[in-house]
Protein backbone atom coordinates (compact mmCIF):
# COMPACT_ATOMS: atom_id res chain seq x y z
CA UNK A 1 0.00 0.00 0.00
CA UNK A 2 1.34 3.44 -0.90
CA UNK A 3 2.31 5.83 1.86
CA UNK A 4 0.28 9.02 2.23
CA UNK A 5 2.47 12.08 2.74
CA UNK A 6 1.08 15.52 3.51
CA UNK A 7 3.45 18.45 3.16
CA UNK A 8 2.54 21.69 4.91
CA UNK A 9 4.63 24.44 3.35
CA UNK A 10 4.95 27.61 5.41
CA UNK A 11 6.63 29.76 2.79
CA UNK A 12 4.60 32.54 1.18
CA UNK A 13 7.14 32.97 -1.65
CA UNK A 14 6.36 31.36 -5.01
CA UNK A 15 9.98 30.80 -6.04
CA UNK A 16 11.31 30.65 -2.49
CA UNK A 17 13.82 28.17 -1.15
CA UNK A 18 11.37 26.26 1.04
CA UNK A 19 8.73 25.67 -1.61
CA UNK A 20 11.40 24.68 -4.13
CA UNK A 21 12.87 22.12 -1.72
CA UNK A 22 9.38 20.84 -0.84
CA UNK A 23 8.67 20.25 -4.52
CA UNK A 24 11.97 18.36 -4.92
CA UNK A 25 11.36 16.20 -1.85
CA UNK A 26 7.75 15.53 -2.86
CA UNK A 27 8.73 14.54 -6.40
CA UNK A 28 11.28 12.02 -5.08
CA UNK A 29 8.70 10.62 -2.63
CA UNK A 30 6.13 10.33 -5.40
CA UNK A 31 8.65 8.61 -7.64
CA UNK A 32 9.32 6.16 -4.78
CA UNK A 33 5.62 5.26 -4.73
CA UNK A 34 4.05 7.64 -2.21
CA UNK A 35 0.82 9.55 -2.52
CA UNK A 36 1.77 13.20 -2.06
CA UNK A 37 -0.25 16.28 -1.13
CA UNK A 38 1.29 19.73 -0.79
CA UNK A 39 -0.65 22.32 1.17
CA UNK A 40 0.47 25.94 1.10
CA UNK A 41 -0.12 27.37 4.57
CA UNK A 42 -0.33 30.88 3.14
CA UNK A 43 -3.33 29.84 1.03
CA UNK A 44 -5.38 28.13 3.75
CA UNK A 45 -8.69 29.74 4.68
CA UNK A 46 -8.70 30.73 8.35
CA UNK A 47 -11.78 32.02 10.13
CA UNK A 48 -9.56 32.79 13.11
CA UNK A 49 -5.79 33.29 13.08
CA UNK A 50 -4.49 30.31 15.01
CA UNK A 51 -5.87 28.74 18.16
CA UNK A 52 -8.12 31.04 20.17
CA UNK A 53 -7.97 28.91 23.35
CA UNK A 54 -11.74 28.38 23.41
CA UNK A 55 -11.16 24.78 24.65
CA UNK A 56 -14.03 23.58 22.47
CA UNK A 57 -11.82 20.80 21.11
CA UNK A 58 -11.27 19.49 24.63
CA UNK A 59 -15.01 19.42 25.34
CA UNK A 60 -15.77 17.59 22.08
CA UNK A 61 -15.44 13.83 21.63
CA UNK A 62 -13.89 14.44 18.19
CA UNK A 63 -10.24 15.14 17.47
CA UNK A 64 -11.04 18.31 15.58
CA UNK A 65 -10.89 22.04 16.10
CA UNK A 66 -14.40 23.40 16.60
CA UNK A 67 -13.73 26.48 14.45
CA UNK A 68 -15.40 25.70 11.15
CA UNK A 69 -12.86 26.61 8.50
CA UNK A 70 -10.40 25.07 6.06
CA UNK A 71 -7.61 24.96 8.66
CA UNK A 72 -9.75 22.79 10.95
CA UNK A 73 -10.48 20.38 8.10
CA UNK A 74 -6.79 20.08 7.21
CA UNK A 75 -5.65 19.39 10.79
CA UNK A 76 -8.46 16.84 11.23
CA UNK A 77 -6.94 14.90 8.28
CA UNK A 78 -3.48 14.62 9.90
CA UNK A 79 -4.22 11.23 11.56
CA UNK A 80 -5.11 9.75 8.14
CA UNK A 81 -1.58 10.42 6.86
CA UNK A 82 1.45 8.17 7.16
CA UNK A 83 3.60 11.28 7.50
CA UNK A 84 3.17 14.99 8.05
CA UNK A 85 6.07 17.01 6.70
CA UNK A 86 6.23 20.56 7.98
CA UNK A 87 8.32 22.93 5.87
CA UNK A 88 9.29 26.42 6.90
CA UNK A 89 11.82 29.09 6.21
CA UNK A 90 13.41 30.61 9.30
CA UNK A 91 11.70 33.95 9.90
CA UNK A 92 13.29 36.00 12.66
CA UNK A 93 14.61 32.95 14.55
CA UNK A 94 11.41 30.89 14.28
CA UNK A 95 8.80 29.23 12.12
CA UNK A 96 7.00 31.38 9.58
CA UNK A 97 3.77 32.87 10.88
CA UNK A 98 1.88 31.18 8.06
CA UNK A 99 2.70 27.69 9.35
CA UNK A 100 2.70 28.53 13.07
CA UNK A 101 -0.98 29.47 13.12
CA UNK A 102 -1.86 26.08 11.61
CA UNK A 103 0.40 24.18 14.01
CA UNK A 104 -1.29 25.91 16.95
CA UNK A 105 -4.58 24.38 15.83
CA UNK A 106 -3.05 20.92 16.41
CA UNK A 107 -4.05 21.28 20.06
CA UNK A 108 -7.35 19.80 18.86
CA UNK A 109 -5.56 16.49 18.24
CA UNK A 110 -5.09 15.94 21.97
CA UNK A 111 -7.51 14.97 24.69
CA UNK A 112 -6.13 15.68 28.14
CA UNK A 113 -7.80 13.91 31.06
CA UNK A 114 -9.35 16.06 33.80
CA UNK A 115 -6.56 15.16 36.21
CA UNK A 116 -3.97 16.12 33.58
CA UNK A 117 -2.18 12.79 33.91
CA UNK A 118 -3.04 11.27 30.54
CA UNK A 119 -2.99 12.54 26.99
CA UNK A 120 -4.77 10.68 24.21
CA UNK A 121 -4.37 11.36 20.50
CA UNK A 122 -5.15 9.67 17.15
CA UNK A 123 -1.65 10.02 15.65
CA UNK A 124 -0.28 6.54 16.45
CA UNK A 125 0.41 5.73 12.78
CA UNK A 126 1.60 9.15 11.66
CA UNK A 127 5.25 10.21 11.61
CA UNK A 128 6.63 13.75 11.57
CA UNK A 129 9.31 15.32 9.43
CA UNK A 130 10.65 18.82 8.94
CA UNK A 131 12.16 20.70 6.04
CA UNK A 132 13.70 23.97 7.21
CA UNK A 133 15.65 26.50 5.16
CA UNK A 134 17.64 29.48 6.35
CA UNK A 135 19.82 32.12 4.74
CA UNK A 136 21.88 32.09 7.92
CA UNK A 137 23.90 29.53 9.80
CA UNK A 138 22.34 26.73 11.85
CA UNK A 139 22.69 28.72 15.07
CA UNK A 140 20.75 31.64 13.57
CA UNK A 141 17.30 30.16 14.02
CA UNK A 142 17.55 26.89 12.11
CA UNK A 143 18.34 24.93 15.27
CA UNK A 144 15.55 26.71 17.17
CA UNK A 145 12.96 25.76 14.54
CA UNK A 146 14.21 22.18 14.54
CA UNK A 147 14.01 21.93 18.34
CA UNK A 148 10.52 23.46 18.33
CA UNK A 149 9.13 20.94 15.84
CA UNK A 150 11.03 18.11 17.54
CA UNK A 151 9.19 19.01 20.76
CA UNK A 152 5.84 18.87 18.93
CA UNK A 153 6.67 15.43 17.51
CA UNK A 154 7.88 14.31 20.95
CA UNK A 155 4.57 15.34 22.51
CA UNK A 156 2.98 12.76 20.20
CA UNK A 157 5.66 10.24 21.21
CA UNK A 158 7.37 10.49 17.83
CA UNK A 159 10.86 11.17 16.54
CA UNK A 160 11.50 13.83 13.93
CA UNK A 161 13.25 13.36 10.59
CA UNK A 162 14.80 16.62 9.47
CA UNK A 163 16.23 18.13 6.32
CA UNK A 164 17.90 21.36 7.46
CA UNK A 165 19.40 23.68 4.85
CA UNK A 166 21.56 26.51 6.22
CA UNK A 167 23.06 29.25 4.02
CA UNK A 168 20.31 28.98 1.41
CA UNK A 169 20.46 31.75 -1.19
CA UNK A 170 18.55 34.91 -0.34
CA UNK A 171 17.44 35.78 -3.87
CA UNK A 172 14.28 33.84 -4.87
CA UNK A 173 14.79 31.29 -7.62
CA UNK A 174 18.56 30.93 -7.35
CA UNK A 175 18.37 27.74 -5.28
CA UNK A 176 17.39 25.78 -8.40
CA UNK A 177 21.00 25.79 -9.58
CA UNK A 178 22.32 24.29 -6.33
CA UNK A 179 22.90 20.61 -7.17
CA UNK A 180 24.02 19.77 -3.61
CA UNK A 181 20.71 20.91 -2.11
CA UNK A 182 18.79 19.16 -4.89
CA UNK A 183 20.63 15.92 -4.18
CA UNK A 184 19.90 16.20 -0.43
CA UNK A 185 16.23 16.90 -1.13
CA UNK A 186 15.82 13.92 -3.47
CA UNK A 187 17.52 11.62 -0.97
CA UNK A 188 15.28 12.89 1.84
CA UNK A 189 12.17 12.31 -0.29
CA UNK A 190 13.12 8.69 -0.88
CA UNK A 191 13.90 8.21 2.83
CA UNK A 192 10.40 9.42 3.73
CA UNK A 193 8.93 6.53 1.76
CA UNK A 194 11.49 3.84 2.54
C-alpha atoms as a PDB file:
ATOM      1  CA  UNK A   1       0.000   0.000   0.000  1.00  0.00           C
ATOM      2  CA  UNK A   2       1.339   3.440  -0.901  1.00  0.00           C
ATOM      3  CA  UNK A   3       2.310   5.834   1.862  1.00  0.00           C
ATOM      4  CA  UNK A   4       0.280   9.020   2.231  1.00  0.00           C
ATOM      5  CA  UNK A   5       2.466  12.081   2.743  1.00  0.00           C
ATOM      6  CA  UNK A   6       1.079  15.522   3.510  1.00  0.00           C
ATOM      7  CA  UNK A   7       3.452  18.453   3.155  1.00  0.00           C
ATOM      8  CA  UNK A   8       2.538  21.693   4.905  1.00  0.00           C
ATOM      9  CA  UNK A   9       4.630  24.444   3.351  1.00  0.00           C
ATOM     10  CA  UNK A  10       4.950  27.607   5.415  1.00  0.00           C
ATOM     11  CA  UNK A  11       6.631  29.755   2.790  1.00  0.00           C
ATOM     12  CA  UNK A  12       4.600  32.536   1.178  1.00  0.00           C
ATOM     13  CA  UNK A  13       7.144  32.969  -1.647  1.00  0.00           C
ATOM     14  CA  UNK A  14       6.358  31.361  -5.011  1.00  0.00           C
ATOM     15  CA  UNK A  15       9.980  30.802  -6.041  1.00  0.00           C
ATOM     16  CA  UNK A  16      11.309  30.650  -2.494  1.00  0.00           C
ATOM     17  CA  UNK A  17      13.818  28.175  -1.148  1.00  0.00           C
ATOM     18  CA  UNK A  18      11.375  26.264   1.044  1.00  0.00           C
ATOM     19  CA  UNK A  19       8.728  25.673  -1.607  1.00  0.00           C
ATOM     20  CA  UNK A  20      11.403  24.681  -4.128  1.00  0.00           C
ATOM     21  CA  UNK A  21      12.869  22.119  -1.722  1.00  0.00           C
ATOM     22  CA  UNK A  22       9.384  20.839  -0.838  1.00  0.00           C
ATOM     23  CA  UNK A  23       8.673  20.254  -4.517  1.00  0.00           C
ATOM     24  CA  UNK A  24      11.966  18.358  -4.922  1.00  0.00           C
ATOM     25  CA  UNK A  25      11.359  16.196  -1.848  1.00  0.00           C
ATOM     26  CA  UNK A  26       7.747  15.527  -2.861  1.00  0.00           C
ATOM     27  CA  UNK A  27       8.726  14.540  -6.401  1.00  0.00           C
ATOM     28  CA  UNK A  28      11.275  12.019  -5.078  1.00  0.00           C
ATOM     29  CA  UNK A  29       8.705  10.621  -2.628  1.00  0.00           C
ATOM     30  CA  UNK A  30       6.129  10.329  -5.396  1.00  0.00           C
ATOM     31  CA  UNK A  31       8.655   8.613  -7.643  1.00  0.00           C
ATOM     32  CA  UNK A  32       9.318   6.164  -4.782  1.00  0.00           C
ATOM     33  CA  UNK A  33       5.616   5.260  -4.732  1.00  0.00           C
ATOM     34  CA  UNK A  34       4.048   7.638  -2.206  1.00  0.00           C
ATOM     35  CA  UNK A  35       0.816   9.553  -2.520  1.00  0.00           C
ATOM     36  CA  UNK A  36       1.771  13.204  -2.060  1.00  0.00           C
ATOM     37  CA  UNK A  37      -0.249  16.281  -1.135  1.00  0.00           C
ATOM     38  CA  UNK A  38       1.295  19.732  -0.792  1.00  0.00           C
ATOM     39  CA  UNK A  39      -0.655  22.321   1.168  1.00  0.00           C
ATOM     40  CA  UNK A  40       0.468  25.937   1.098  1.00  0.00           C
ATOM     41  CA  UNK A  41      -0.119  27.370   4.570  1.00  0.00           C
ATOM     42  CA  UNK A  42      -0.333  30.884   3.137  1.00  0.00           C
ATOM     43  CA  UNK A  43      -3.328  29.838   1.027  1.00  0.00           C
ATOM     44  CA  UNK A  44      -5.377  28.129   3.754  1.00  0.00           C
ATOM     45  CA  UNK A  45      -8.691  29.739   4.677  1.00  0.00           C
ATOM     46  CA  UNK A  46      -8.697  30.726   8.354  1.00  0.00           C
ATOM     47  CA  UNK A  47     -11.785  32.023  10.129  1.00  0.00           C
ATOM     48  CA  UNK A  48      -9.557  32.792  13.114  1.00  0.00           C
ATOM     49  CA  UNK A  49      -5.791  33.287  13.076  1.00  0.00           C
ATOM     50  CA  UNK A  50      -4.487  30.306  15.007  1.00  0.00           C
ATOM     51  CA  UNK A  51      -5.872  28.743  18.161  1.00  0.00           C
ATOM     52  CA  UNK A  52      -8.124  31.040  20.170  1.00  0.00           C
ATOM     53  CA  UNK A  53      -7.974  28.909  23.348  1.00  0.00           C
ATOM     54  CA  UNK A  54     -11.740  28.377  23.411  1.00  0.00           C
ATOM     55  CA  UNK A  55     -11.165  24.784  24.648  1.00  0.00           C
ATOM     56  CA  UNK A  56     -14.029  23.578  22.468  1.00  0.00           C
ATOM     57  CA  UNK A  57     -11.824  20.802  21.109  1.00  0.00           C
ATOM     58  CA  UNK A  58     -11.267  19.493  24.632  1.00  0.00           C
ATOM     59  CA  UNK A  59     -15.007  19.416  25.335  1.00  0.00           C
ATOM     60  CA  UNK A  60     -15.768  17.586  22.076  1.00  0.00           C
ATOM     61  CA  UNK A  61     -15.440  13.831  21.634  1.00  0.00           C
ATOM     62  CA  UNK A  62     -13.892  14.438  18.190  1.00  0.00           C
ATOM     63  CA  UNK A  63     -10.238  15.141  17.467  1.00  0.00           C
ATOM     64  CA  UNK A  64     -11.036  18.313  15.579  1.00  0.00           C
ATOM     65  CA  UNK A  65     -10.889  22.040  16.096  1.00  0.00           C
ATOM     66  CA  UNK A  66     -14.403  23.401  16.597  1.00  0.00           C
ATOM     67  CA  UNK A  67     -13.734  26.475  14.454  1.00  0.00           C
ATOM     68  CA  UNK A  68     -15.404  25.698  11.154  1.00  0.00           C
ATOM     69  CA  UNK A  69     -12.864  26.609   8.502  1.00  0.00           C
ATOM     70  CA  UNK A  70     -10.396  25.069   6.056  1.00  0.00           C
ATOM     71  CA  UNK A  71      -7.613  24.962   8.665  1.00  0.00           C
ATOM     72  CA  UNK A  72      -9.750  22.788  10.951  1.00  0.00           C
ATOM     73  CA  UNK A  73     -10.480  20.379   8.099  1.00  0.00           C
ATOM     74  CA  UNK A  74      -6.794  20.080   7.210  1.00  0.00           C
ATOM     75  CA  UNK A  75      -5.652  19.394  10.787  1.00  0.00           C
ATOM     76  CA  UNK A  76      -8.459  16.836  11.226  1.00  0.00           C
ATOM     77  CA  UNK A  77      -6.942  14.903   8.281  1.00  0.00           C
ATOM     78  CA  UNK A  78      -3.479  14.623   9.902  1.00  0.00           C
ATOM     79  CA  UNK A  79      -4.221  11.234  11.560  1.00  0.00           C
ATOM     80  CA  UNK A  80      -5.110   9.752   8.141  1.00  0.00           C
ATOM     81  CA  UNK A  81      -1.578  10.421   6.860  1.00  0.00           C
ATOM     82  CA  UNK A  82       1.448   8.168   7.162  1.00  0.00           C
ATOM     83  CA  UNK A  83       3.596  11.275   7.498  1.00  0.00           C
ATOM     84  CA  UNK A  84       3.167  14.991   8.048  1.00  0.00           C
ATOM     85  CA  UNK A  85       6.067  17.011   6.704  1.00  0.00           C
ATOM     86  CA  UNK A  86       6.230  20.558   7.977  1.00  0.00           C
ATOM     87  CA  UNK A  87       8.319  22.928   5.865  1.00  0.00           C
ATOM     88  CA  UNK A  88       9.285  26.421   6.905  1.00  0.00           C
ATOM     89  CA  UNK A  89      11.822  29.091   6.215  1.00  0.00           C
ATOM     90  CA  UNK A  90      13.408  30.612   9.298  1.00  0.00           C
ATOM     91  CA  UNK A  91      11.703  33.949   9.896  1.00  0.00           C
ATOM     92  CA  UNK A  92      13.291  35.999  12.664  1.00  0.00           C
ATOM     93  CA  UNK A  93      14.611  32.954  14.549  1.00  0.00           C
ATOM     94  CA  UNK A  94      11.409  30.891  14.279  1.00  0.00           C
ATOM     95  CA  UNK A  95       8.799  29.234  12.123  1.00  0.00           C
ATOM     96  CA  UNK A  96       7.002  31.383   9.583  1.00  0.00           C
ATOM     97  CA  UNK A  97       3.769  32.872  10.882  1.00  0.00           C
ATOM     98  CA  UNK A  98       1.880  31.185   8.062  1.00  0.00           C
ATOM     99  CA  UNK A  99       2.703  27.689   9.354  1.00  0.00           C
ATOM    100  CA  UNK A 100       2.702  28.533  13.066  1.00  0.00           C
ATOM    101  CA  UNK A 101      -0.981  29.469  13.121  1.00  0.00           C
ATOM    102  CA  UNK A 102      -1.858  26.078  11.605  1.00  0.00           C
ATOM    103  CA  UNK A 103       0.403  24.179  14.011  1.00  0.00           C
ATOM    104  CA  UNK A 104      -1.292  25.908  16.954  1.00  0.00           C
ATOM    105  CA  UNK A 105      -4.584  24.382  15.834  1.00  0.00           C
ATOM    106  CA  UNK A 106      -3.047  20.921  16.412  1.00  0.00           C
ATOM    107  CA  UNK A 107      -4.045  21.284  20.060  1.00  0.00           C
ATOM    108  CA  UNK A 108      -7.346  19.804  18.865  1.00  0.00           C
ATOM    109  CA  UNK A 109      -5.556  16.487  18.236  1.00  0.00           C
ATOM    110  CA  UNK A 110      -5.090  15.937  21.974  1.00  0.00           C
ATOM    111  CA  UNK A 111      -7.507  14.968  24.694  1.00  0.00           C
ATOM    112  CA  UNK A 112      -6.128  15.683  28.135  1.00  0.00           C
ATOM    113  CA  UNK A 113      -7.795  13.912  31.057  1.00  0.00           C
ATOM    114  CA  UNK A 114      -9.349  16.063  33.799  1.00  0.00           C
ATOM    115  CA  UNK A 115      -6.555  15.161  36.210  1.00  0.00           C
ATOM    116  CA  UNK A 116      -3.972  16.117  33.579  1.00  0.00           C
ATOM    117  CA  UNK A 117      -2.180  12.787  33.911  1.00  0.00           C
ATOM    118  CA  UNK A 118      -3.035  11.272  30.543  1.00  0.00           C
ATOM    119  CA  UNK A 119      -2.992  12.536  26.993  1.00  0.00           C
ATOM    120  CA  UNK A 120      -4.772  10.683  24.206  1.00  0.00           C
ATOM    121  CA  UNK A 121      -4.366  11.356  20.501  1.00  0.00           C
ATOM    122  CA  UNK A 122      -5.152   9.675  17.145  1.00  0.00           C
ATOM    123  CA  UNK A 123      -1.651  10.016  15.646  1.00  0.00           C
ATOM    124  CA  UNK A 124      -0.283   6.542  16.447  1.00  0.00           C
ATOM    125  CA  UNK A 125       0.409   5.732  12.782  1.00  0.00           C
ATOM    126  CA  UNK A 126       1.604   9.149  11.663  1.00  0.00           C
ATOM    127  CA  UNK A 127       5.249  10.209  11.613  1.00  0.00           C
ATOM    128  CA  UNK A 128       6.629  13.753  11.574  1.00  0.00           C
ATOM    129  CA  UNK A 129       9.314  15.322   9.432  1.00  0.00           C
ATOM    130  CA  UNK A 130      10.650  18.818   8.941  1.00  0.00           C
ATOM    131  CA  UNK A 131      12.165  20.701   6.042  1.00  0.00           C
ATOM    132  CA  UNK A 132      13.699  23.971   7.206  1.00  0.00           C
ATOM    133  CA  UNK A 133      15.646  26.502   5.162  1.00  0.00           C
ATOM    134  CA  UNK A 134      17.639  29.476   6.346  1.00  0.00           C
ATOM    135  CA  UNK A 135      19.816  32.118   4.736  1.00  0.00           C
ATOM    136  CA  UNK A 136      21.884  32.095   7.917  1.00  0.00           C
ATOM    137  CA  UNK A 137      23.896  29.526   9.800  1.00  0.00           C
ATOM    138  CA  UNK A 138      22.336  26.731  11.853  1.00  0.00           C
ATOM    139  CA  UNK A 139      22.694  28.720  15.071  1.00  0.00           C
ATOM    140  CA  UNK A 140      20.751  31.641  13.568  1.00  0.00           C
ATOM    141  CA  UNK A 141      17.296  30.156  14.019  1.00  0.00           C
ATOM    142  CA  UNK A 142      17.549  26.895  12.108  1.00  0.00           C
ATOM    143  CA  UNK A 143      18.343  24.933  15.268  1.00  0.00           C
ATOM    144  CA  UNK A 144      15.550  26.713  17.174  1.00  0.00           C
ATOM    145  CA  UNK A 145      12.963  25.761  14.542  1.00  0.00           C
ATOM    146  CA  UNK A 146      14.212  22.175  14.538  1.00  0.00           C
ATOM    147  CA  UNK A 147      14.008  21.927  18.339  1.00  0.00           C
ATOM    148  CA  UNK A 148      10.517  23.457  18.329  1.00  0.00           C
ATOM    149  CA  UNK A 149       9.128  20.936  15.839  1.00  0.00           C
ATOM    150  CA  UNK A 150      11.032  18.112  17.541  1.00  0.00           C
ATOM    151  CA  UNK A 151       9.193  19.015  20.759  1.00  0.00           C
ATOM    152  CA  UNK A 152       5.842  18.871  18.928  1.00  0.00           C
ATOM    153  CA  UNK A 153       6.669  15.430  17.508  1.00  0.00           C
ATOM    154  CA  UNK A 154       7.879  14.311  20.947  1.00  0.00           C
ATOM    155  CA  UNK A 155       4.572  15.339  22.513  1.00  0.00           C
ATOM    156  CA  UNK A 156       2.977  12.758  20.200  1.00  0.00           C
ATOM    157  CA  UNK A 157       5.658  10.235  21.210  1.00  0.00           C
ATOM    158  CA  UNK A 158       7.369  10.487  17.827  1.00  0.00           C
ATOM    159  CA  UNK A 159      10.859  11.165  16.538  1.00  0.00           C
ATOM    160  CA  UNK A 160      11.497  13.835  13.928  1.00  0.00           C
ATOM    161  CA  UNK A 161      13.254  13.361  10.591  1.00  0.00           C
ATOM    162  CA  UNK A 162      14.797  16.623   9.469  1.00  0.00           C
ATOM    163  CA  UNK A 163      16.232  18.131   6.317  1.00  0.00           C
ATOM    164  CA  UNK A 164      17.904  21.357   7.459  1.00  0.00           C
ATOM    165  CA  UNK A 165      19.397  23.683   4.855  1.00  0.00           C
ATOM    166  CA  UNK A 166      21.556  26.514   6.218  1.00  0.00           C
ATOM    167  CA  UNK A 167      23.060  29.253   4.024  1.00  0.00           C
ATOM    168  CA  UNK A 168      20.309  28.976   1.415  1.00  0.00           C
ATOM    169  CA  UNK A 169      20.460  31.749  -1.189  1.00  0.00           C
ATOM    170  CA  UNK A 170      18.552  34.910  -0.339  1.00  0.00           C
ATOM    171  CA  UNK A 171      17.444  35.780  -3.874  1.00  0.00           C
ATOM    172  CA  UNK A 172      14.282  33.836  -4.870  1.00  0.00           C
ATOM    173  CA  UNK A 173      14.792  31.290  -7.615  1.00  0.00           C
ATOM    174  CA  UNK A 174      18.562  30.934  -7.354  1.00  0.00           C
ATOM    175  CA  UNK A 175      18.371  27.745  -5.281  1.00  0.00           C
ATOM    176  CA  UNK A 176      17.387  25.783  -8.398  1.00  0.00           C
ATOM    177  CA  UNK A 177      21.002  25.795  -9.581  1.00  0.00           C
ATOM    178  CA  UNK A 178      22.320  24.285  -6.328  1.00  0.00           C
ATOM    179  CA  UNK A 179      22.895  20.611  -7.166  1.00  0.00           C
ATOM    180  CA  UNK A 180      24.019  19.767  -3.610  1.00  0.00           C
ATOM    181  CA  UNK A 181      20.711  20.909  -2.111  1.00  0.00           C
ATOM    182  CA  UNK A 182      18.789  19.163  -4.894  1.00  0.00           C
ATOM    183  CA  UNK A 183      20.630  15.918  -4.175  1.00  0.00           C
ATOM    184  CA  UNK A 184      19.902  16.201  -0.427  1.00  0.00           C
ATOM    185  CA  UNK A 185      16.234  16.900  -1.126  1.00  0.00           C
ATOM    186  CA  UNK A 186      15.818  13.924  -3.472  1.00  0.00           C
ATOM    187  CA  UNK A 187      17.522  11.618  -0.974  1.00  0.00           C
ATOM    188  CA  UNK A 188      15.280  12.892   1.844  1.00  0.00           C
ATOM    189  CA  UNK A 189      12.168  12.310  -0.288  1.00  0.00           C
ATOM    190  CA  UNK A 190      13.122   8.685  -0.883  1.00  0.00           C
ATOM    191  CA  UNK A 191      13.901   8.206   2.827  1.00  0.00           C
ATOM    192  CA  UNK A 192      10.400   9.416   3.735  1.00  0.00           C
ATOM    193  CA  UNK A 193       8.933   6.533   1.758  1.00  0.00           C
ATOM    194  CA  UNK A 194      11.491   3.837   2.538  1.00  0.00           C
END
